[in-house]
Protein backbone atom coordinates (compact mmCIF):
# COMPACT_ATOMS: atom_id res chain seq x y z
CA UNK A 1 60.18 43.48 47.38
CA UNK A 2 63.43 42.14 48.67
CA UNK A 3 63.53 39.40 51.26
CA UNK A 4 64.67 41.66 54.07
CA UNK A 5 61.88 44.10 53.41
CA UNK A 6 59.34 41.25 53.31
CA UNK A 7 60.71 39.74 56.49
CA UNK A 8 60.19 42.90 58.31
CA UNK A 9 56.66 43.53 57.13
CA UNK A 10 55.36 39.86 57.00
CA UNK A 11 57.46 37.97 59.30
CA UNK A 12 59.93 35.20 58.28
CA UNK A 13 57.50 32.39 57.38
CA UNK A 14 55.04 34.41 55.43
CA UNK A 15 57.81 36.21 53.58
CA UNK A 16 59.46 33.11 52.59
CA UNK A 17 56.15 31.52 51.32
CA UNK A 18 55.38 35.00 49.39
CA UNK A 19 58.82 34.77 47.80
CA UNK A 20 58.43 31.17 46.77
CA UNK A 21 55.02 31.95 45.25
CA UNK A 22 56.40 34.78 43.29
CA UNK A 23 59.25 32.72 42.10
CA UNK A 24 56.84 30.01 40.95
CA UNK A 25 54.95 32.77 38.99
CA UNK A 26 58.11 33.86 37.39
CA UNK A 27 59.02 30.36 36.29
CA UNK A 28 55.59 29.71 34.85
CA UNK A 29 54.62 30.47 31.32
CA UNK A 30 51.08 30.50 32.22
CA UNK A 31 49.13 30.58 35.57
CA UNK A 32 47.82 26.96 34.81
CA UNK A 33 51.46 25.77 35.42
CA UNK A 34 51.43 26.99 39.05
CA UNK A 35 51.51 24.17 41.70
CA UNK A 36 48.34 25.55 43.20
CA UNK A 37 45.45 27.49 41.61
CA UNK A 38 44.16 30.72 42.70
CA UNK A 39 40.62 31.41 44.00
CA UNK A 40 38.87 33.48 41.35
CA UNK A 41 36.68 36.61 41.86
CA UNK A 42 35.14 39.09 39.61
CA UNK A 43 35.58 42.90 40.34
CA UNK A 44 34.17 45.44 37.97
CA UNK A 45 33.60 42.85 35.24
CA UNK A 46 37.25 41.69 35.38
CA UNK A 47 38.58 38.42 36.87
CA UNK A 48 40.85 38.72 39.85
CA UNK A 49 43.10 36.09 41.37
CA UNK A 50 43.94 35.32 45.03
CA UNK A 51 46.72 32.94 45.89
CA UNK A 52 46.73 31.25 49.28
CA UNK A 53 49.93 31.91 51.20
CA UNK A 54 49.52 30.73 54.92
CA UNK A 55 46.49 30.31 57.12
CA UNK A 56 44.12 33.18 56.13
CA UNK A 57 46.89 35.08 54.31
CA UNK A 58 46.40 35.55 50.34
CA UNK A 59 48.21 37.40 47.63
CA UNK A 60 45.90 39.32 45.26
CA UNK A 61 47.03 39.66 41.72
CA UNK A 62 45.25 41.08 38.57
CA UNK A 63 45.82 39.89 35.19
CA UNK A 64 47.46 42.36 32.79
CA UNK A 65 45.40 41.34 29.87
CA UNK A 66 41.75 40.94 30.63
CA UNK A 67 40.24 40.81 27.11
CA UNK A 68 38.42 37.63 26.70
CA UNK A 69 39.41 36.29 30.22
CA UNK A 70 36.92 33.97 31.77
CA UNK A 71 36.45 31.49 34.53
CA UNK A 72 37.03 28.68 31.91
CA UNK A 73 40.11 30.06 30.60
CA UNK A 74 42.04 31.86 33.47
CA UNK A 75 44.98 29.27 33.18
CA UNK A 76 46.10 31.11 30.01
CA UNK A 77 46.93 34.11 31.80
CA UNK A 78 50.58 34.91 31.15
CA UNK A 79 51.32 38.20 33.15
CA UNK A 80 49.91 39.63 36.28
CA UNK A 81 50.29 42.59 38.66
CA UNK A 82 50.85 41.86 42.30
CA UNK A 83 48.27 44.05 44.14
CA UNK A 84 48.31 43.42 47.84
CA UNK A 85 48.63 40.72 50.65
CA UNK A 86 45.70 40.34 52.94
CA UNK A 87 45.50 38.40 56.17
CA UNK A 88 42.05 37.92 57.80
CA UNK A 89 40.75 40.63 55.59
CA UNK A 90 43.32 43.12 56.76
CA UNK A 91 45.77 44.47 54.15
CA UNK A 92 49.42 43.88 55.15
CA UNK A 93 51.07 45.16 52.13
């Protein structure tokens, strides 16, 4: 999503934070290299990640390779799929 579309949907501050987080993800070889780690949850036997954005807003991402992924080795995740942005439980995007 380009910055103009993100600003329209999320507002200036949240869009800037979202793009900064995505930029950090692109620059990291593994998620353990991110400045701030995600909240981990399990859904249908697969580990899912939620990165805090601002306030109650989070970016939900799913790892592309789930084989052997555990709470102990999540940091070795190399690629993820951006799923949605939630704020106070409501889906923004």
